[in-house]
């Protein structure tokens, strides 16, 4: 079972990503965070396979959070969807590939 943490300050984006991923990954588990603090809390409570991270977060930039994530959880796959219409096509391929093979992050 894949475990996704969706980090975005817009509830509608989190909901849309969750629905999109639910359609592709039946039985997947989801968590949500609307800012960096909530994301770090979720990551410390549970183990996640993939974090979908918005760069424009309130209080702390997504890029600053990304540095923390990669330092504390180096094996966590972090995807930064910058354009949703391209995201579905490319990111789902990456997630599927990483679920069966080891994925080396560029970060």
Protein backbone atom coordinates (compact mmCIF):
# COMPACT_ATOMS: atom_id res chain seq x y z
CA UNK A 1 0.00 0.00 0.00
CA UNK A 2 1.38 3.39 -1.00
CA UNK A 3 1.25 6.20 1.56
CA UNK A 4 0.99 9.77 0.25
CA UNK A 5 1.38 12.99 2.21
CA UNK A 6 -0.10 15.97 0.35
CA UNK A 7 1.32 19.32 1.45
CA UNK A 8 -0.51 22.33 0.03
CA UNK A 9 -2.14 25.37 1.60
CA UNK A 10 -5.20 25.10 -0.64
CA UNK A 11 -7.77 22.52 0.49
CA UNK A 12 -9.19 22.17 -3.02
CA UNK A 13 -5.76 21.26 -4.41
CA UNK A 14 -5.21 18.69 -1.65
CA UNK A 15 -8.64 17.22 -2.38
CA UNK A 16 -8.01 17.09 -6.13
CA UNK A 17 -4.63 15.41 -5.74
CA UNK A 18 -6.10 12.91 -3.31
CA UNK A 19 -8.90 12.03 -5.74
CA UNK A 20 -6.50 11.75 -8.67
CA UNK A 21 -4.16 9.48 -6.75
CA UNK A 22 -7.05 7.42 -5.33
CA UNK A 23 -8.17 6.65 -8.87
CA UNK A 24 -4.70 5.39 -9.80
CA UNK A 25 -3.61 3.77 -6.52
CA UNK A 26 -6.51 1.81 -5.04
CA UNK A 27 -6.11 1.25 -1.32
CA UNK A 28 -3.52 4.01 -0.91
CA UNK A 29 -3.34 5.89 2.38
CA UNK A 30 -3.37 9.69 2.47
CA UNK A 31 -2.40 12.42 4.85
CA UNK A 32 -2.69 16.15 4.41
CA UNK A 33 -0.87 19.21 5.67
CA UNK A 34 -1.57 22.86 4.89
CA UNK A 35 1.84 24.20 5.97
CA UNK A 36 5.38 23.14 6.83
CA UNK A 37 4.67 22.69 10.55
CA UNK A 38 1.81 20.30 9.87
CA UNK A 39 3.88 18.43 7.28
CA UNK A 40 6.72 17.87 9.75
CA UNK A 41 4.24 16.71 12.41
CA UNK A 42 2.72 14.18 9.98
CA UNK A 43 6.15 12.92 8.91
CA UNK A 44 7.20 12.38 12.51
CA UNK A 45 3.99 10.48 13.34
CA UNK A 46 3.88 8.08 10.39
CA UNK A 47 6.05 6.68 7.65
CA UNK A 48 5.19 8.01 4.18
CA UNK A 49 6.28 6.75 0.76
CA UNK A 50 5.66 9.96 -1.19
CA UNK A 51 5.28 13.62 -0.27
CA UNK A 52 3.64 15.95 -2.78
CA UNK A 53 4.94 19.38 -1.88
CA UNK A 54 3.70 22.82 -2.90
CA UNK A 55 6.55 25.33 -3.14
CA UNK A 56 4.38 28.30 -2.12
CA UNK A 57 3.48 27.58 1.50
CA UNK A 58 2.63 30.11 4.22
CA UNK A 59 5.26 30.95 6.86
CA UNK A 60 8.00 28.67 5.45
CA UNK A 61 8.77 28.20 1.78
CA UNK A 62 8.34 24.78 0.26
CA UNK A 63 11.97 24.90 -0.86
CA UNK A 64 13.13 25.37 2.74
CA UNK A 65 10.87 22.52 3.80
CA UNK A 66 12.24 20.37 0.98
CA UNK A 67 15.78 20.79 2.35
CA UNK A 68 14.59 19.66 5.79
CA UNK A 69 12.72 16.69 4.35
CA UNK A 70 15.72 15.45 2.40
CA UNK A 71 18.03 15.89 5.41
CA UNK A 72 15.75 14.08 7.89
CA UNK A 73 14.09 11.57 5.52
CA UNK A 74 16.58 11.01 2.68
CA UNK A 75 14.65 8.05 1.23
CA UNK A 76 11.33 9.91 1.04
CA UNK A 77 10.21 10.48 -2.54
CA UNK A 78 9.24 14.14 -2.84
CA UNK A 79 7.31 15.36 -5.86
CA UNK A 80 6.77 19.04 -6.53
CA UNK A 81 3.90 19.33 -9.00
CA UNK A 82 4.37 22.65 -10.76
CA UNK A 83 1.67 22.26 -13.40
CA UNK A 84 -1.20 19.85 -12.80
CA UNK A 85 -1.87 19.05 -16.44
CA UNK A 86 1.71 17.78 -16.82
CA UNK A 87 1.83 16.32 -13.34
CA UNK A 88 -0.62 13.48 -13.90
CA UNK A 89 1.21 12.16 -16.92
CA UNK A 90 4.77 12.29 -15.54
CA UNK A 91 4.50 12.02 -11.77
CA UNK A 92 2.32 8.92 -11.76
CA UNK A 93 4.91 7.17 -13.91
CA UNK A 94 7.61 8.09 -11.39
CA UNK A 95 5.55 6.88 -8.44
CA UNK A 96 4.72 3.59 -10.14
CA UNK A 97 8.37 3.04 -11.01
CA UNK A 98 9.55 3.91 -7.52
CA UNK A 99 7.10 1.52 -5.90
CA UNK A 100 8.82 -1.46 -7.56
CA UNK A 101 12.41 -0.20 -7.80
CA UNK A 102 14.71 2.01 -5.79
CA UNK A 103 14.36 5.69 -6.74
CA UNK A 104 17.34 8.01 -6.37
CA UNK A 105 16.23 11.57 -5.85
CA UNK A 106 17.93 14.52 -7.50
CA UNK A 107 17.79 16.36 -4.15
